[in-house]
Amino acid sequence: MSAGTRRTLGLAAVLSAAGLMACGGAKEKPAAGGAETTAAAPPAAVATADAKQEAQQIFSTRCSVCHGETGHGDGPGASGLTPRPRNYHDKAWQDSVKDDEIEKAIVYGGAAVGRSPSMIANPDLQNKPEVVAALKDMIRQFGKEP
């Protein structure tokens, strides 16, 4: 085997290991009892006061165009969309959707969670988990209102 082939195979092994770790495929060392465990998920982001203010601004300028200022799915851009934008006051939907699904849809768009591809992604929020959490909290709050 040539030196170039060995380097290529070595690089492939390192990248594969890194990919497994990034995707959660790597397991932690056995605990004292000997059982393998998966790595714990990072703690959920908590919305700070600044994040809540930024989330309100984002909702007003981006989300309300389709979802409406009050979250009923009746914004000015909603009329031409099929399916219609989500009504966040819908109790059945609120009960059926998980927080992480809402957050993923906010950042990566509706298609990322099997919903409408008309729900655009907000990649600029990927590194702002507190703002995403604040937007999710706003959506959940709409579900508590009539």
N, C-alpha and C. Protein backbone atom coordinates (compact mmCIF):
# COMPACT_ATOMS: atom_id res chain seq x y z
N MET A 1 0.86 -1.17 0.00
CA MET A 1 0.00 0.00 0.00
C MET A 1 0.90 1.23 0.00
N SER A 2 0.57 2.20 -0.84
CA SER A 2 1.40 3.40 -0.95
C SER A 2 1.14 4.32 0.25
N ALA A 3 2.07 5.25 0.45
CA ALA A 3 1.93 6.22 1.54
C ALA A 3 0.70 7.09 1.33
N GLY A 4 0.39 7.46 0.10
CA GLY A 4 -0.79 8.27 -0.20
C GLY A 4 -2.07 7.54 0.13
N THR A 5 -2.12 6.25 -0.17
CA THR A 5 -3.31 5.45 0.12
C THR A 5 -3.51 5.33 1.63
N ARG A 6 -2.39 5.12 2.38
CA ARG A 6 -2.48 5.02 3.84
C ARG A 6 -2.99 6.34 4.44
N ARG A 7 -2.51 7.48 3.93
CA ARG A 7 -2.97 8.77 4.42
C ARG A 7 -4.46 8.95 4.14
N THR A 8 -4.89 8.56 2.95
CA THR A 8 -6.30 8.69 2.58
C THR A 8 -7.18 7.82 3.47
N LEU A 9 -6.74 6.57 3.71
CA LEU A 9 -7.51 5.68 4.58
C LEU A 9 -7.53 6.19 6.01
N GLY A 10 -6.40 6.72 6.47
CA GLY A 10 -6.34 7.28 7.82
C GLY A 10 -7.27 8.47 7.98
N LEU A 11 -7.29 9.35 6.98
CA LEU A 11 -8.18 10.50 7.01
C LEU A 11 -9.63 10.05 7.00
N ALA A 12 -9.95 9.04 6.20
CA ALA A 12 -11.31 8.52 6.14
C ALA A 12 -11.73 7.96 7.49
N ALA A 13 -10.84 7.29 8.18
CA ALA A 13 -11.17 6.73 9.50
C ALA A 13 -11.44 7.84 10.51
N VAL A 14 -10.63 8.88 10.48
CA VAL A 14 -10.82 10.01 11.40
C VAL A 14 -12.15 10.70 11.12
N LEU A 15 -12.45 10.95 9.84
CA LEU A 15 -13.71 11.60 9.49
C LEU A 15 -14.91 10.74 9.85
N SER A 16 -14.80 9.43 9.67
CA SER A 16 -15.91 8.54 10.05
C SER A 16 -16.16 8.59 11.55
N ALA A 17 -15.10 8.58 12.32
CA ALA A 17 -15.25 8.64 13.78
C ALA A 17 -15.86 9.97 14.20
N ALA A 18 -15.41 11.04 13.57
CA ALA A 18 -15.97 12.36 13.89
C ALA A 18 -17.44 12.41 13.52
N GLY A 19 -17.80 11.83 12.39
CA GLY A 19 -19.20 11.80 11.97
C GLY A 19 -20.06 11.02 12.94
N LEU A 20 -19.58 9.89 13.41
CA LEU A 20 -20.33 9.10 14.39
C LEU A 20 -20.55 9.89 15.67
N MET A 21 -19.52 10.58 16.12
CA MET A 21 -19.67 11.34 17.35
C MET A 21 -20.64 12.49 17.15
N ALA A 22 -20.58 13.16 16.02
CA ALA A 22 -21.48 14.29 15.77
C ALA A 22 -22.93 13.84 15.65
N CYS A 23 -23.15 12.64 15.15
CA CYS A 23 -24.52 12.13 14.96
C CYS A 23 -25.03 11.36 16.15
N GLY A 24 -24.27 11.31 17.21
CA GLY A 24 -24.73 10.61 18.40
C GLY A 24 -24.47 9.12 18.34
N GLY A 25 -23.67 8.67 17.37
CA GLY A 25 -23.43 7.25 17.23
C GLY A 25 -22.43 6.73 18.26
N ALA A 26 -21.63 7.58 18.81
CA ALA A 26 -20.65 7.14 19.80
C ALA A 26 -21.31 7.00 21.16
N LYS A 27 -20.92 6.00 21.88
CA LYS A 27 -21.46 5.76 23.22
C LYS A 27 -20.44 6.19 24.25
N GLU A 28 -20.92 6.58 25.42
CA GLU A 28 -20.02 6.89 26.51
C GLU A 28 -19.46 5.59 27.06
N LYS A 29 -18.39 5.70 27.80
CA LYS A 29 -17.83 4.52 28.44
C LYS A 29 -18.84 3.95 29.41
N PRO A 30 -18.83 2.64 29.64
CA PRO A 30 -19.79 2.06 30.57
C PRO A 30 -19.72 2.73 31.93
N ALA A 31 -20.87 2.91 32.52
CA ALA A 31 -20.96 3.48 33.86
C ALA A 31 -20.47 2.44 34.86
N ALA A 32 -20.46 2.81 36.11
CA ALA A 32 -19.96 1.92 37.16
C ALA A 32 -20.67 0.57 37.12
N GLY A 33 -21.94 0.54 36.74
CA GLY A 33 -22.70 -0.70 36.68
C GLY A 33 -22.39 -1.51 35.45
N GLY A 34 -21.62 -0.95 34.50
CA GLY A 34 -21.21 -1.68 33.32
C GLY A 34 -22.11 -1.46 32.11
N ALA A 35 -23.21 -0.73 32.22
CA ALA A 35 -24.11 -0.53 31.09
C ALA A 35 -23.65 0.66 30.26
N GLU A 36 -23.75 0.51 28.92
CA GLU A 36 -23.43 1.62 28.05
C GLU A 36 -24.55 2.64 28.09
N THR A 37 -24.22 3.91 27.98
CA THR A 37 -25.23 4.96 27.94
C THR A 37 -24.95 5.85 26.74
N THR A 38 -25.97 6.48 26.24
CA THR A 38 -25.75 7.46 25.17
C THR A 38 -25.47 8.80 25.82
N ALA A 39 -24.76 9.64 25.10
CA ALA A 39 -24.44 10.96 25.63
C ALA A 39 -25.73 11.74 25.87
N ALA A 40 -25.73 12.49 26.94
CA ALA A 40 -26.92 13.27 27.29
C ALA A 40 -27.10 14.42 26.31
N ALA A 41 -28.33 14.76 26.04
CA ALA A 41 -28.63 15.90 25.16
C ALA A 41 -28.25 17.18 25.88
N PRO A 42 -27.83 18.19 25.13
CA PRO A 42 -27.50 19.46 25.80
C PRO A 42 -28.75 20.05 26.43
N PRO A 43 -28.58 20.82 27.48
CA PRO A 43 -29.75 21.41 28.13
C PRO A 43 -30.46 22.36 27.18
N ALA A 44 -31.77 22.45 27.35
CA ALA A 44 -32.56 23.35 26.51
C ALA A 44 -32.17 24.78 26.80
N ALA A 45 -32.16 25.60 25.76
CA ALA A 45 -31.84 27.01 25.92
C ALA A 45 -32.97 27.71 26.67
N VAL A 46 -32.61 28.68 27.46
CA VAL A 46 -33.58 29.47 28.20
C VAL A 46 -33.60 30.87 27.61
N ALA A 47 -34.79 31.38 27.35
CA ALA A 47 -34.93 32.70 26.76
C ALA A 47 -34.61 33.79 27.77
N THR A 48 -33.63 34.59 27.46
CA THR A 48 -33.28 35.74 28.30
C THR A 48 -34.17 36.93 27.93
N ALA A 49 -34.11 37.99 28.70
CA ALA A 49 -34.91 39.18 28.41
C ALA A 49 -34.54 39.75 27.04
N ASP A 50 -33.24 39.80 26.74
CA ASP A 50 -32.80 40.31 25.43
C ASP A 50 -33.29 39.40 24.31
N ALA A 51 -33.25 38.09 24.53
CA ALA A 51 -33.70 37.13 23.53
C ALA A 51 -35.20 37.27 23.29
N LYS A 52 -35.95 37.51 24.35
CA LYS A 52 -37.40 37.70 24.21
C LYS A 52 -37.71 38.94 23.38
N GLN A 53 -36.96 40.00 23.61
CA GLN A 53 -37.16 41.23 22.84
C GLN A 53 -36.83 41.00 21.37
N GLU A 54 -35.72 40.31 21.11
CA GLU A 54 -35.35 40.02 19.72
C GLU A 54 -36.38 39.10 19.07
N ALA A 55 -36.90 38.14 19.82
CA ALA A 55 -37.91 37.23 19.29
C ALA A 55 -39.18 37.98 18.92
N GLN A 56 -39.59 38.93 19.74
CA GLN A 56 -40.78 39.73 19.42
C GLN A 56 -40.58 40.52 18.13
N GLN A 57 -39.39 41.06 17.95
CA GLN A 57 -39.05 41.81 16.73
C GLN A 57 -39.10 40.86 15.52
N ILE A 58 -38.52 39.69 15.65
CA ILE A 58 -38.50 38.73 14.56
C ILE A 58 -39.91 38.27 14.23
N PHE A 59 -40.70 37.98 15.25
CA PHE A 59 -42.07 37.54 14.98
C PHE A 59 -42.84 38.62 14.23
N SER A 60 -42.68 39.87 14.66
CA SER A 60 -43.40 40.98 14.03
C SER A 60 -42.99 41.20 12.58
N THR A 61 -41.71 41.03 12.28
CA THR A 61 -41.23 41.32 10.93
C THR A 61 -41.22 40.12 10.00
N ARG A 62 -41.04 38.92 10.53
CA ARG A 62 -40.94 37.74 9.67
C ARG A 62 -42.17 36.83 9.78
N CYS A 63 -42.48 36.41 10.97
CA CYS A 63 -43.50 35.38 11.18
C CYS A 63 -44.92 35.88 10.95
N SER A 64 -45.18 37.10 11.39
CA SER A 64 -46.55 37.62 11.31
C SER A 64 -47.03 37.83 9.88
N VAL A 65 -46.12 37.91 8.94
CA VAL A 65 -46.51 38.07 7.54
C VAL A 65 -47.46 36.93 7.13
N CYS A 66 -47.18 35.73 7.60
CA CYS A 66 -48.04 34.59 7.29
C CYS A 66 -48.91 34.17 8.47
N HIS A 67 -48.31 34.12 9.66
CA HIS A 67 -49.03 33.62 10.84
C HIS A 67 -49.91 34.67 11.50
N GLY A 68 -49.77 35.94 11.10
CA GLY A 68 -50.57 37.01 11.68
C GLY A 68 -49.99 37.49 12.99
N GLU A 69 -50.27 38.73 13.31
CA GLU A 69 -49.76 39.34 14.56
C GLU A 69 -50.22 38.58 15.79
N THR A 70 -51.40 37.98 15.73
CA THR A 70 -51.93 37.26 16.88
C THR A 70 -51.80 35.74 16.76
N GLY A 71 -51.09 35.28 15.73
CA GLY A 71 -50.81 33.85 15.60
C GLY A 71 -51.95 32.99 15.09
N HIS A 72 -52.95 33.60 14.46
CA HIS A 72 -54.10 32.83 13.97
C HIS A 72 -53.92 32.30 12.55
N GLY A 73 -52.75 32.53 11.94
CA GLY A 73 -52.50 32.05 10.58
C GLY A 73 -53.18 32.91 9.54
N ASP A 74 -53.43 34.18 9.88
CA ASP A 74 -54.19 35.06 9.01
C ASP A 74 -53.43 36.31 8.60
N GLY A 75 -52.11 36.19 8.48
CA GLY A 75 -51.31 37.34 8.06
C GLY A 75 -51.56 37.70 6.61
N PRO A 76 -51.08 38.85 6.17
CA PRO A 76 -51.33 39.30 4.80
C PRO A 76 -50.78 38.37 3.73
N GLY A 77 -49.76 37.60 4.03
CA GLY A 77 -49.20 36.67 3.06
C GLY A 77 -49.86 35.31 3.07
N ALA A 78 -50.81 35.09 3.95
CA ALA A 78 -51.42 33.77 4.12
C ALA A 78 -52.37 33.39 3.00
N SER A 79 -53.03 34.37 2.40
CA SER A 79 -54.10 34.07 1.45
C SER A 79 -53.64 33.26 0.24
N GLY A 80 -52.42 33.44 -0.19
CA GLY A 80 -51.94 32.71 -1.37
C GLY A 80 -51.24 31.41 -1.05
N LEU A 81 -51.23 30.99 0.20
CA LEU A 81 -50.48 29.79 0.57
C LEU A 81 -51.38 28.56 0.73
N THR A 82 -50.91 27.45 0.20
CA THR A 82 -51.56 26.16 0.39
C THR A 82 -50.46 25.18 0.76
N PRO A 83 -50.51 24.58 1.94
CA PRO A 83 -51.54 24.75 2.96
C PRO A 83 -51.43 26.11 3.64
N ARG A 84 -52.50 26.47 4.32
CA ARG A 84 -52.55 27.73 5.06
C ARG A 84 -51.53 27.69 6.19
N PRO A 85 -51.01 28.84 6.59
CA PRO A 85 -50.09 28.88 7.73
C PRO A 85 -50.76 28.36 9.01
N ARG A 86 -49.96 27.82 9.87
CA ARG A 86 -50.43 27.25 11.13
C ARG A 86 -51.12 28.29 11.99
N ASN A 87 -52.25 27.91 12.55
CA ASN A 87 -52.94 28.71 13.56
C ASN A 87 -52.39 28.22 14.90
N TYR A 88 -51.60 29.05 15.56
CA TYR A 88 -50.96 28.64 16.80
C TYR A 88 -51.93 28.51 17.96
N HIS A 89 -53.17 28.92 17.79
CA HIS A 89 -54.20 28.79 18.83
C HIS A 89 -54.87 27.42 18.79
N ASP A 90 -54.57 26.62 17.78
CA ASP A 90 -55.17 25.30 17.60
C ASP A 90 -54.66 24.35 18.69
N LYS A 91 -55.54 24.01 19.64
CA LYS A 91 -55.16 23.18 20.79
C LYS A 91 -54.68 21.79 20.37
N ALA A 92 -55.35 21.20 19.38
CA ALA A 92 -54.96 19.86 18.92
C ALA A 92 -53.53 19.88 18.38
N TRP A 93 -53.20 20.91 17.60
CA TRP A 93 -51.84 21.01 17.08
C TRP A 93 -50.85 21.24 18.23
N GLN A 94 -51.18 22.14 19.14
CA GLN A 94 -50.30 22.42 20.27
C GLN A 94 -49.99 21.14 21.05
N ASP A 95 -51.01 20.29 21.22
CA ASP A 95 -50.81 19.04 21.96
C ASP A 95 -50.00 18.02 21.17
N SER A 96 -50.02 18.13 19.85
CA SER A 96 -49.37 17.11 19.01
C SER A 96 -47.91 17.42 18.69
N VAL A 97 -47.49 18.66 18.84
CA VAL A 97 -46.14 19.05 18.42
C VAL A 97 -45.23 19.19 19.63
N LYS A 98 -43.99 18.75 19.45
CA LYS A 98 -43.00 18.84 20.52
C LYS A 98 -42.20 20.13 20.37
N ASP A 99 -41.67 20.59 21.47
CA ASP A 99 -40.89 21.83 21.47
C ASP A 99 -39.73 21.77 20.48
N ASP A 100 -39.01 20.65 20.45
CA ASP A 100 -37.86 20.58 19.56
C ASP A 100 -38.28 20.62 18.09
N GLU A 101 -39.48 20.15 17.78
CA GLU A 101 -39.98 20.23 16.41
C GLU A 101 -40.27 21.68 16.03
N ILE A 102 -40.85 22.43 16.94
CA ILE A 102 -41.11 23.86 16.69
C ILE A 102 -39.78 24.58 16.47
N GLU A 103 -38.82 24.33 17.32
CA GLU A 103 -37.53 24.99 17.21
C GLU A 103 -36.82 24.62 15.92
N LYS A 104 -36.90 23.38 15.53
CA LYS A 104 -36.27 22.93 14.28
C LYS A 104 -36.95 23.59 13.08
N ALA A 105 -38.26 23.71 13.10
CA ALA A 105 -38.99 24.36 12.01
C ALA A 105 -38.61 25.84 11.92
N ILE A 106 -38.42 26.48 13.05
CA ILE A 106 -38.04 27.90 13.05
C ILE A 106 -36.69 28.08 12.36
N VAL A 107 -35.74 27.26 12.70
CA VAL A 107 -34.38 27.42 12.17
C VAL A 107 -34.24 26.85 10.75
N TYR A 108 -34.78 25.65 10.52
CA TYR A 108 -34.52 24.94 9.26
C TYR A 108 -35.70 24.95 8.28
N GLY A 109 -36.84 25.49 8.69
CA GLY A 109 -38.00 25.56 7.80
C GLY A 109 -38.94 24.38 7.97
N GLY A 110 -40.12 24.53 7.41
CA GLY A 110 -41.16 23.51 7.56
C GLY A 110 -40.80 22.17 6.97
N ALA A 111 -40.13 22.15 5.84
CA ALA A 111 -39.78 20.88 5.19
C ALA A 111 -38.88 20.02 6.08
N ALA A 112 -38.09 20.65 6.93
CA ALA A 112 -37.17 19.92 7.81
C ALA A 112 -37.89 19.07 8.85
N VAL A 113 -39.17 19.39 9.09
CA VAL A 113 -39.95 18.63 10.08
C VAL A 113 -41.18 18.00 9.43
N GLY A 114 -41.13 17.84 8.11
CA GLY A 114 -42.23 17.20 7.40
C GLY A 114 -43.46 18.07 7.25
N ARG A 115 -43.29 19.36 7.34
CA ARG A 115 -44.39 20.31 7.18
C ARG A 115 -44.23 21.05 5.87
N SER A 116 -45.01 22.08 5.68
CA SER A 116 -45.01 22.83 4.43
C SER A 116 -43.64 23.45 4.11
N PRO A 117 -43.18 23.25 2.88
CA PRO A 117 -41.93 23.90 2.48
C PRO A 117 -42.09 25.42 2.33
N SER A 118 -43.33 25.92 2.38
CA SER A 118 -43.56 27.36 2.34
C SER A 118 -43.06 28.03 3.62
N MET A 119 -42.96 27.27 4.71
CA MET A 119 -42.41 27.80 5.96
C MET A 119 -40.91 27.90 5.77
N ILE A 120 -40.44 29.14 5.62
CA ILE A 120 -39.04 29.37 5.29
C ILE A 120 -38.13 29.12 6.49
N ALA A 121 -36.88 28.84 6.18
CA ALA A 121 -35.86 28.64 7.20
C ALA A 121 -35.33 30.00 7.67
N ASN A 122 -34.79 30.00 8.85
CA ASN A 122 -34.16 31.19 9.43
C ASN A 122 -32.76 30.80 9.89
N PRO A 123 -31.86 30.55 8.94
CA PRO A 123 -30.53 30.05 9.30
C PRO A 123 -29.73 31.02 10.16
N ASP A 124 -30.09 32.30 10.13
CA ASP A 124 -29.39 33.26 10.97
C ASP A 124 -29.65 33.04 12.46
N LEU A 125 -30.66 32.23 12.77
CA LEU A 125 -30.98 31.94 14.17
C LEU A 125 -30.31 30.66 14.69
N GLN A 126 -29.59 29.98 13.83
CA GLN A 126 -28.97 28.71 14.21
C GLN A 126 -28.06 28.86 15.42
N ASN A 127 -27.36 29.96 15.51
CA ASN A 127 -26.45 30.18 16.64
C ASN A 127 -27.04 31.10 17.71
N LYS A 128 -28.38 31.16 17.73
CA LYS A 128 -29.08 31.97 18.73
C LYS A 128 -30.15 31.12 19.41
N PRO A 129 -29.75 30.09 20.14
CA PRO A 129 -30.74 29.19 20.74
C PRO A 129 -31.68 29.89 21.72
N GLU A 130 -31.22 30.95 22.37
CA GLU A 130 -32.10 31.66 23.31
C GLU A 130 -33.23 32.37 22.56
N VAL A 131 -32.94 32.91 21.39
CA VAL A 131 -33.96 33.59 20.59
C VAL A 131 -34.95 32.56 20.04
N VAL A 132 -34.43 31.42 19.59
CA VAL A 132 -35.30 30.35 19.09
C VAL A 132 -36.21 29.86 20.22
N ALA A 133 -35.65 29.71 21.42
CA ALA A 133 -36.45 29.30 22.57
C ALA A 133 -37.54 30.34 22.87
N ALA A 134 -37.20 31.61 22.75
CA ALA A 134 -38.18 32.67 23.00
C ALA A 134 -39.30 32.64 21.95
N LEU A 135 -38.96 32.38 20.69
CA LEU A 135 -39.98 32.25 19.65
C LEU A 135 -40.87 31.05 19.92
N LYS A 136 -40.28 29.95 20.32
CA LYS A 136 -41.06 28.75 20.67
C LYS A 136 -41.99 29.06 21.82
N ASP A 137 -41.50 29.79 22.83
CA ASP A 137 -42.34 30.16 23.97
C ASP A 137 -43.50 31.04 23.53
N MET A 138 -43.27 31.95 22.58
CA MET A 138 -44.35 32.79 22.05
C MET A 138 -45.41 31.93 21.39
N ILE A 139 -44.97 30.97 20.59
CA ILE A 139 -45.90 30.07 19.90
C ILE A 139 -46.70 29.27 20.93
N ARG A 140 -46.05 28.79 21.95
CA ARG A 140 -46.76 28.06 23.01
C ARG A 140 -47.76 28.96 23.74
N GLN A 141 -47.40 30.21 23.95
CA GLN A 141 -48.30 31.15 24.63
C GLN A 141 -49.57 31.37 23.81
N PHE A 142 -49.45 31.44 22.49
CA PHE A 142 -50.63 31.58 21.64
C PHE A 142 -51.60 30.42 21.89
N GLY A 143 -51.09 29.24 22.16
CA GLY A 143 -51.92 28.07 22.41
C GLY A 143 -52.70 28.14 23.70
N LYS A 144 -52.31 29.05 24.59
CA LYS A 144 -53.01 29.22 25.86
C LYS A 144 -54.07 30.31 25.80
N GLU A 145 -54.12 31.00 24.65
CA GLU A 145 -55.08 32.08 24.46
C GLU A 145 -56.28 31.57 23.63
N PRO A 146 -57.42 32.21 23.78
CA PRO A 146 -58.59 31.78 22.98
C PRO A 146 -58.44 32.12 21.50
